[in-house]
Amino acid sequence: MPNVPTLKDVAQNPDQDQIIRLIVTTLAMSRPFAAPPDVPADRKTALVAAFQQTTQDPGFKAEAQQVKLDVDFVPAQMIDGLLATAYATSKAVITTTADAISK
């Protein structure tokens, strides 16, 4: 919708921008799959490729559509970036965000 402000538009300072970004991160990632941090790089690459190939497979897409399941692949690089930003968020902003969500 045109001329409707987004959440980022209403942030009045950097802390509010970080709070909004932290809240929206969970929506952007949807339902990520995770592996331990010590997974060898070649295995991580294989897992990421397998998930991407699965979400593009015509049979998988047809089955998902049949059960009315929306499948949107979020690339691993995007998830990694979102997580890096979330982990770099200050404890004060995380506390404020948690307080806001719990009310």
C-alpha atoms as a PDB file:
ATOM      1  CA  MET A   1       0.000   0.000   0.000  1.00  0.00           C
ATOM      2  CA  PRO A   2       1.444   3.330  -0.970  1.00  0.00           C
ATOM      3  CA  ASN A   3       2.052   6.092   1.574  1.00  0.00           C
ATOM      4  CA  VAL A   4       1.800   3.753   4.547  1.00  0.00           C
ATOM      5  CA  PRO A   5       4.827   3.918   6.855  1.00  0.00           C
ATOM      6  CA  THR A   6       6.673   0.731   7.645  1.00  0.00           C
ATOM      7  CA  LEU A   7       7.972  -0.180  11.090  1.00  0.00           C
ATOM      8  CA  LYS A   8      11.417   1.064  10.105  1.00  0.00           C
ATOM      9  CA  ASP A   9       9.897   4.435   9.201  1.00  0.00           C
ATOM     10  CA  VAL A  10       8.527   4.944  12.713  1.00  0.00           C
ATOM     11  CA  ALA A  11      11.815   4.262  14.510  1.00  0.00           C
ATOM     12  CA  GLN A  12      12.887   7.515  16.123  1.00  0.00           C
ATOM     13  CA  ASN A  13      16.406   6.500  17.169  1.00  0.00           C
ATOM     14  CA  PRO A  14      18.989   3.767  16.573  1.00  0.00           C
ATOM     15  CA  ASP A  15      17.815   1.710  19.581  1.00  0.00           C
ATOM     16  CA  GLN A  16      14.243   1.619  18.275  1.00  0.00           C
ATOM     17  CA  ASP A  17      15.557   0.635  14.857  1.00  0.00           C
ATOM     18  CA  GLN A  18      17.476  -2.262  16.443  1.00  0.00           C
ATOM     19  CA  ILE A  19      14.400  -3.334  18.427  1.00  0.00           C
ATOM     20  CA  ILE A  20      12.301  -3.430  15.267  1.00  0.00           C
ATOM     21  CA  ARG A  21      15.039  -5.271  13.386  1.00  0.00           C
ATOM     22  CA  LEU A  22      15.317  -7.857  16.178  1.00  0.00           C
ATOM     23  CA  ILE A  23      11.563  -8.501  16.195  1.00  0.00           C
ATOM     24  CA  VAL A  24      11.328  -8.722  12.403  1.00  0.00           C
ATOM     25  CA  THR A  25      14.333 -11.069  12.211  1.00  0.00           C
ATOM     26  CA  THR A  26      12.277 -13.989  13.486  1.00  0.00           C
ATOM     27  CA  LEU A  27       9.686 -13.350  10.782  1.00  0.00           C
ATOM     28  CA  ALA A  28      12.308 -13.087   8.051  1.00  0.00           C
ATOM     29  CA  MET A  29      13.920 -16.383   9.020  1.00  0.00           C
ATOM     30  CA  SER A  30      10.595 -18.177   9.230  1.00  0.00           C
ATOM     31  CA  ARG A  31      11.526 -21.670  10.440  1.00  0.00           C
ATOM     32  CA  PRO A  32      15.246 -22.108  10.031  1.00  0.00           C
ATOM     33  CA  PHE A  33      17.039 -25.408  10.322  1.00  0.00           C
ATOM     34  CA  ALA A  34      20.219 -25.411  12.357  1.00  0.00           C
ATOM     35  CA  ALA A  35      23.273 -27.572  12.774  1.00  0.00           C
ATOM     36  CA  PRO A  36      26.034 -27.508  15.376  1.00  0.00           C
ATOM     37  CA  PRO A  37      28.698 -24.819  14.895  1.00  0.00           C
ATOM     38  CA  ASP A  38      31.457 -27.361  14.269  1.00  0.00           C
ATOM     39  CA  VAL A  39      29.876 -28.928  11.170  1.00  0.00           C
ATOM     40  CA  PRO A  40      32.572 -29.179   8.478  1.00  0.00           C
ATOM     41  CA  ALA A  41      32.204 -26.628   5.688  1.00  0.00           C
ATOM     42  CA  ASP A  42      31.654 -29.255   3.007  1.00  0.00           C
ATOM     43  CA  ARG A  43      28.774 -30.787   4.964  1.00  0.00           C
ATOM     44  CA  LYS A  44      27.203 -27.381   5.579  1.00  0.00           C
ATOM     45  CA  THR A  45      27.433 -26.676   1.851  1.00  0.00           C
ATOM     46  CA  ALA A  46      25.809 -30.041   1.079  1.00  0.00           C
ATOM     47  CA  LEU A  47      22.987 -29.450   3.575  1.00  0.00           C
ATOM     48  CA  VAL A  48      22.276 -25.963   2.245  1.00  0.00           C
ATOM     49  CA  ALA A  49      22.273 -27.240  -1.350  1.00  0.00           C
ATOM     50  CA  ALA A  50      19.971 -30.122  -0.429  1.00  0.00           C
ATOM     51  CA  PHE A  51      17.423 -27.820   1.189  1.00  0.00           C
ATOM     52  CA  GLN A  52      17.521 -25.436  -1.745  1.00  0.00           C
ATOM     53  CA  GLN A  53      17.143 -28.256  -4.268  1.00  0.00           C
ATOM     54  CA  THR A  54      14.275 -29.750  -2.269  1.00  0.00           C
ATOM     55  CA  THR A  55      12.352 -26.471  -2.226  1.00  0.00           C
ATOM     56  CA  GLN A  56      12.767 -26.191  -6.001  1.00  0.00           C
ATOM     57  CA  ASP A  57      11.781 -29.786  -6.742  1.00  0.00           C
ATOM     58  CA  PRO A  58       8.520 -29.930  -8.734  1.00  0.00           C
ATOM     59  CA  GLY A  59       7.268 -32.974  -6.804  1.00  0.00           C
ATOM     60  CA  PHE A  60       7.948 -31.306  -3.460  1.00  0.00           C
ATOM     61  CA  LYS A  61       6.260 -28.098  -4.624  1.00  0.00           C
ATOM     62  CA  ALA A  62       3.205 -30.039  -5.833  1.00  0.00           C
ATOM     63  CA  GLU A  63       2.893 -31.915  -2.553  1.00  0.00           C
ATOM     64  CA  ALA A  64       3.269 -28.715  -0.530  1.00  0.00           C
ATOM     65  CA  GLN A  65       0.619 -27.025  -2.642  1.00  0.00           C
ATOM     66  CA  GLN A  66      -1.685 -30.024  -2.236  1.00  0.00           C
ATOM     67  CA  VAL A  67      -1.555 -29.733   1.556  1.00  0.00           C
ATOM     68  CA  LYS A  68      -1.782 -25.918   1.322  1.00  0.00           C
ATOM     69  CA  LEU A  69       1.714 -25.383   2.687  1.00  0.00           C
ATOM     70  CA  ASP A  70       3.591 -22.228   1.718  1.00  0.00           C
ATOM     71  CA  VAL A  71       7.262 -22.978   1.133  1.00  0.00           C
ATOM     72  CA  ASP A  72       9.619 -20.041   0.700  1.00  0.00           C
ATOM     73  CA  PHE A  73      13.314 -20.862   0.765  1.00  0.00           C
ATOM     74  CA  VAL A  74      15.412 -18.366   2.723  1.00  0.00           C
ATOM     75  CA  PRO A  75      19.047 -18.656   1.635  1.00  0.00           C
ATOM     76  CA  ALA A  76      21.550 -19.681   4.317  1.00  0.00           C
ATOM     77  CA  GLN A  77      23.589 -16.542   3.686  1.00  0.00           C
ATOM     78  CA  MET A  78      20.563 -14.422   4.562  1.00  0.00           C
ATOM     79  CA  ILE A  79      19.935 -16.408   7.759  1.00  0.00           C
ATOM     80  CA  ASP A  80      23.629 -16.112   8.684  1.00  0.00           C
ATOM     81  CA  GLY A  81      23.446 -12.338   8.177  1.00  0.00           C
ATOM     82  CA  LEU A  82      20.269 -11.994  10.229  1.00  0.00           C
ATOM     83  CA  LEU A  83      21.777 -14.027  13.041  1.00  0.00           C
ATOM     84  CA  ALA A  84      25.031 -12.053  12.970  1.00  0.00           C
ATOM     85  CA  THR A  85      23.056  -8.823  13.306  1.00  0.00           C
ATOM     86  CA  ALA A  86      20.928 -10.253  16.115  1.00  0.00           C
ATOM     87  CA  TYR A  87      23.982 -11.521  18.015  1.00  0.00           C
ATOM     88  CA  ALA A  88      25.643  -8.105  17.654  1.00  0.00           C
ATOM     89  CA  THR A  89      22.663  -6.406  19.327  1.00  0.00           C
ATOM     90  CA  SER A  90      23.446  -4.921  22.715  1.00  0.00           C
ATOM     91  CA  LYS A  91      22.127  -6.579  25.857  1.00  0.00           C
ATOM     92  CA  ALA A  92      20.200  -3.393  26.725  1.00  0.00           C
ATOM     93  CA  VAL A  93      18.317  -3.485  23.413  1.00  0.00           C
ATOM     94  CA  ILE A  94      17.617  -7.210  23.809  1.00  0.00           C
ATOM     95  CA  THR A  95      16.249  -6.615  27.311  1.00  0.00           C
ATOM     96  CA  THR A  96      14.055  -3.738  26.104  1.00  0.00           C
ATOM     97  CA  THR A  97      12.791  -5.895  23.212  1.00  0.00           C
ATOM     98  CA  ALA A  98      12.004  -8.822  25.509  1.00  0.00           C
ATOM     99  CA  ASP A  99      10.155  -6.494  27.890  1.00  0.00           C
ATOM    100  CA  ALA A 100       8.136  -5.004  25.026  1.00  0.00           C
ATOM    101  CA  ILE A 101       7.187  -8.406  23.640  1.00  0.00           C
ATOM    102  CA  SER A 102       6.146  -9.803  27.007  1.00  0.00           C
ATOM    103  CA  LYS A 103       3.654  -7.018  27.735  1.00  0.00           C
END
